[in-house]
Amino acid sequence: MPRLRKELVVAVCRTMPLGLVGAAGATGLLIAGLTRATGEAGAWLALPMLRAAILASATGLVFLLDDPARHTTATVPTSRPVRIGLRVALVAPVAAAWWTVALLLVPGELRPPVADITLEAGAALTLAVAGATAAVRFSETARPGPRGASALLTSALLALLFWPERWALFVPVGDERWGVAHDRWVMVLAVAVLVGGVCVVEPLRRWSWGVSRGR
């Protein structure tokens, strides 16, 4: 049994897009580190840069479930929840370490409230993985990452430009809406966990666009 588990971990690691996820994380750290070179402007740039770093890393995590061998592994005894859960379990400690480094790259006097910005990071990263899980659940493509990344970036842009102010998620430190906004981030995190949990299960019946059109 231990040998079987080791072989499963090795097999999953070989199919994970580690280079792409790692590159996105490195980009995020670079963005966070720029707060040390912004001089006087760092006081108001620190929070937007940390949020940009989160978005960069989340964009990479959208590719986490891309698997060129997806239609081959679908026939193996190991269920989809186990395969996806293993990928998430492998990347979760790395994501936690990444976030710790990102926070430390921001000078202490410029760093926004750690608990609140960590909530934003956790919700965004969880939402990215949930989106990837939904794409795997409802499509047959082996690489849903590019479409998922496009959807994530578009959603973030729309939230910044057109989201109603009374429901704002991205508010500056010191804004009277800060606390309420982070109550909404709790809801985003809860919805992401719920969507991921629902979509991780194997479908009772496989559907495809071609099949649904033909009925």
Protein backbone atom coordinates (compact mmCIF):
# COMPACT_ATOMS: atom_id res chain seq x y z
CA MET A 1 0.00 0.00 0.00
CA PRO A 2 2.77 2.59 0.83
CA ARG A 3 4.47 1.73 -2.46
CA LEU A 4 1.19 2.22 -4.32
CA ARG A 5 0.71 5.61 -2.68
CA LYS A 6 4.24 6.66 -3.58
CA GLU A 7 3.72 5.64 -7.19
CA LEU A 8 0.47 7.61 -7.29
CA VAL A 9 2.18 10.74 -5.91
CA VAL A 10 4.99 10.42 -8.46
CA ALA A 11 2.50 9.93 -11.29
CA VAL A 12 0.47 12.98 -10.25
CA CYS A 13 3.60 15.14 -9.89
CA ARG A 14 4.68 14.24 -13.40
CA THR A 15 1.42 15.51 -14.88
CA MET A 16 1.18 18.71 -12.81
CA PRO A 17 2.08 21.95 -14.65
CA LEU A 18 4.67 22.83 -12.02
CA GLY A 19 6.63 25.15 -14.29
CA LEU A 20 3.63 27.32 -15.09
CA VAL A 21 2.34 27.42 -11.52
CA GLY A 22 5.85 28.21 -10.28
CA ALA A 23 6.35 30.98 -12.83
CA ALA A 24 3.07 32.60 -11.76
CA GLY A 25 4.12 32.41 -8.12
CA ALA A 26 7.54 33.91 -8.91
CA THR A 27 5.84 36.76 -10.76
CA GLY A 28 3.70 37.38 -7.71
CA LEU A 29 6.74 37.54 -5.44
CA LEU A 30 8.43 39.96 -7.83
CA ILE A 31 5.38 42.22 -7.71
CA ALA A 32 5.26 42.06 -3.91
CA GLY A 33 8.98 42.81 -3.71
CA LEU A 34 8.53 45.99 -5.75
CA THR A 35 7.01 47.61 -2.68
CA ARG A 36 10.57 47.97 -1.35
CA ALA A 37 11.53 50.12 -4.34
CA THR A 38 8.57 52.48 -4.48
CA GLY A 39 9.86 55.04 -1.96
CA GLU A 40 7.24 57.39 -0.57
CA ALA A 41 4.62 55.98 -2.94
CA GLY A 42 4.88 52.60 -1.19
CA ALA A 43 2.41 53.67 1.49
CA TRP A 44 -0.48 53.55 -0.96
CA LEU A 45 0.99 51.08 -3.48
CA ALA A 46 1.64 48.24 -1.02
CA LEU A 47 -1.95 46.98 -0.91
CA PRO A 48 -2.57 47.12 -4.70
CA MET A 49 0.75 45.38 -5.32
CA LEU A 50 -0.07 42.61 -2.85
CA ARG A 51 -3.43 42.16 -4.52
CA ALA A 52 -1.72 42.02 -7.91
CA ALA A 53 0.66 39.39 -6.51
CA ILE A 54 -2.33 37.35 -5.31
CA LEU A 55 -3.95 37.62 -8.73
CA ALA A 56 -0.75 36.49 -10.44
CA SER A 57 -0.46 33.42 -8.25
CA ALA A 58 -4.19 32.63 -8.56
CA THR A 59 -3.86 32.79 -12.35
CA GLY A 60 -1.19 30.11 -12.13
CA LEU A 61 -3.32 27.90 -9.89
CA VAL A 62 -6.10 27.89 -12.49
CA PHE A 63 -3.78 25.58 -14.48
CA LEU A 64 -3.32 23.19 -11.54
CA LEU A 65 -5.69 20.54 -12.91
CA ASP A 66 -4.50 20.67 -16.51
CA ASP A 67 -3.59 17.11 -17.42
CA PRO A 68 -2.60 16.02 -20.95
CA ALA A 69 -3.32 12.42 -19.89
CA ARG A 70 -6.72 13.24 -18.44
CA HIS A 71 -8.70 10.90 -20.68
CA THR A 72 -6.26 8.09 -19.94
CA THR A 73 -6.26 8.52 -16.17
CA ALA A 74 -10.07 8.69 -16.17
CA THR A 75 -10.10 4.89 -16.56
CA VAL A 76 -7.76 4.10 -13.65
CA PRO A 77 -9.12 2.78 -10.30
CA THR A 78 -8.11 5.96 -8.45
CA SER A 79 -11.13 8.25 -8.35
CA ARG A 80 -11.19 11.85 -9.48
CA PRO A 81 -11.63 13.26 -5.93
CA VAL A 82 -8.45 11.45 -4.88
CA ARG A 83 -6.48 12.67 -7.89
CA ILE A 84 -7.62 16.26 -7.49
CA GLY A 85 -7.27 16.15 -3.71
CA LEU A 86 -3.70 14.94 -4.08
CA ARG A 87 -2.82 17.84 -6.37
CA VAL A 88 -4.33 20.32 -3.93
CA ALA A 89 -2.58 18.68 -0.98
CA LEU A 90 0.77 18.87 -2.77
CA VAL A 91 0.42 22.53 -3.68
CA ALA A 92 -1.22 23.83 -0.47
CA PRO A 93 1.96 23.92 1.70
CA VAL A 94 3.85 25.59 -1.14
CA ALA A 95 1.10 28.19 -1.50
CA ALA A 96 1.22 28.87 2.25
CA ALA A 97 5.00 29.31 2.12
CA TRP A 98 4.66 31.53 -0.95
CA TRP A 99 2.20 33.80 0.84
CA THR A 100 4.44 34.06 3.89
CA VAL A 101 7.34 35.18 1.70
CA ALA A 102 5.09 37.63 -0.18
CA LEU A 103 4.05 39.25 3.10
CA LEU A 104 7.63 39.45 4.34
CA LEU A 105 8.71 41.15 1.13
CA VAL A 106 6.46 44.09 2.03
CA PRO A 107 8.08 46.39 4.62
CA GLY A 108 6.38 46.07 7.98
CA GLU A 109 5.33 49.72 8.11
CA LEU A 110 3.61 49.38 4.73
CA ARG A 111 2.04 45.97 5.25
CA PRO A 112 -1.79 45.99 5.32
CA PRO A 113 -3.63 44.13 8.15
CA VAL A 114 -2.22 40.62 7.84
CA ALA A 115 -5.35 38.68 8.79
CA ASP A 116 -7.57 40.56 6.35
CA ILE A 117 -5.22 40.46 3.37
CA THR A 118 -4.55 36.78 4.09
CA LEU A 119 -8.30 36.21 3.90
CA GLU A 120 -8.29 37.86 0.47
CA ALA A 121 -5.40 35.67 -0.64
CA GLY A 122 -7.03 32.49 0.65
CA ALA A 123 -10.33 33.31 -1.03
CA ALA A 124 -8.71 34.18 -4.37
CA LEU A 125 -6.48 31.10 -4.47
CA THR A 126 -9.33 28.82 -3.40
CA LEU A 127 -11.58 30.38 -6.02
CA ALA A 128 -8.95 29.70 -8.69
CA VAL A 129 -8.76 26.02 -7.77
CA ALA A 130 -12.56 25.79 -7.54
CA GLY A 131 -12.83 27.27 -11.02
CA ALA A 132 -10.38 24.71 -12.35
CA THR A 133 -12.36 21.94 -10.66
CA ALA A 134 -15.59 23.19 -12.23
CA ALA A 135 -13.93 23.31 -15.65
CA VAL A 136 -12.83 19.69 -15.28
CA ARG A 137 -16.29 18.68 -14.06
CA PHE A 138 -18.24 20.28 -16.88
CA SER A 139 -15.93 19.93 -19.87
CA GLU A 140 -13.91 17.26 -21.60
CA THR A 141 -10.87 19.39 -22.40
CA ALA A 142 -7.57 18.22 -20.98
CA ARG A 143 -6.25 21.77 -20.59
CA PRO A 144 -8.96 24.08 -19.21
CA GLY A 145 -6.34 26.40 -17.72
CA PRO A 146 -6.10 29.03 -20.49
CA ARG A 147 -9.84 29.65 -20.53
CA GLY A 148 -9.96 29.64 -16.74
CA ALA A 149 -7.12 32.16 -16.51
CA SER A 150 -8.87 34.42 -19.00
CA ALA A 151 -12.11 34.18 -17.02
CA LEU A 152 -10.31 34.94 -13.74
CA LEU A 153 -8.49 37.99 -15.10
CA THR A 154 -11.66 39.28 -16.76
CA SER A 155 -13.65 38.82 -13.54
CA ALA A 156 -11.01 40.68 -11.52
CA LEU A 157 -11.01 43.55 -14.01
CA LEU A 158 -14.80 43.77 -14.00
CA ALA A 159 -14.85 43.70 -10.19
CA LEU A 160 -12.40 46.60 -10.09
CA LEU A 161 -14.13 48.73 -12.72
CA PHE A 162 -17.83 47.95 -12.56
CA TRP A 163 -18.62 46.23 -9.24
CA PRO A 164 -21.15 48.33 -7.28
CA GLU A 165 -19.45 50.34 -4.53
CA ARG A 166 -21.98 49.23 -1.93
CA TRP A 167 -20.75 45.64 -2.48
CA ALA A 168 -17.09 46.55 -2.90
CA LEU A 169 -14.45 43.88 -2.33
CA PHE A 170 -11.31 45.88 -3.11
CA VAL A 171 -11.23 48.79 -0.68
CA PRO A 172 -8.22 50.68 0.68
CA VAL A 173 -6.94 50.36 4.24
CA GLY A 174 -8.69 52.84 6.48
CA ASP A 175 -11.83 52.91 4.37
CA GLU A 176 -14.98 52.66 6.49
CA ARG A 177 -16.08 49.73 4.29
CA TRP A 178 -12.97 47.67 5.10
CA GLY A 179 -14.64 45.41 7.67
CA VAL A 180 -17.80 44.86 5.61
CA ALA A 181 -15.74 44.15 2.51
CA HIS A 182 -13.91 41.38 4.33
CA ASP A 183 -17.20 39.90 5.47
CA ARG A 184 -17.88 39.55 1.76
CA TRP A 185 -14.48 37.92 1.28
CA VAL A 186 -15.55 35.31 3.83
CA MET A 187 -18.59 34.64 1.64
CA VAL A 188 -16.39 34.37 -1.46
CA LEU A 189 -14.21 31.83 0.33
CA ALA A 190 -17.24 29.83 1.47
CA VAL A 191 -18.73 29.77 -2.03
CA ALA A 192 -15.38 28.72 -3.51
CA VAL A 193 -15.08 25.83 -1.06
CA LEU A 194 -18.67 24.78 -1.76
CA VAL A 195 -18.23 24.90 -5.54
CA GLY A 196 -14.98 22.98 -5.33
CA GLY A 197 -16.52 20.34 -3.09
CA VAL A 198 -19.51 19.86 -5.38
CA CYS A 199 -17.51 19.77 -8.60
CA VAL A 200 -14.78 17.43 -7.39
CA VAL A 201 -17.07 14.39 -7.46
CA GLU A 202 -17.29 12.08 -10.45
CA PRO A 203 -20.32 12.83 -12.67
CA LEU A 204 -22.99 10.14 -12.69
CA ARG A 205 -23.21 10.57 -16.43
CA ARG A 206 -20.72 12.13 -18.80
CA TRP A 207 -22.10 14.97 -20.87
CA SER A 208 -20.52 16.75 -23.77
CA TRP A 209 -21.65 19.61 -25.99
CA GLY A 210 -22.02 17.30 -28.95
CA VAL A 211 -24.17 14.83 -27.04
CA SER A 212 -26.43 17.50 -25.58
CA ARG A 213 -26.98 19.03 -29.03
CA GLY A 214 -27.87 15.71 -30.54
CA ARG A 215 -30.61 14.93 -28.03
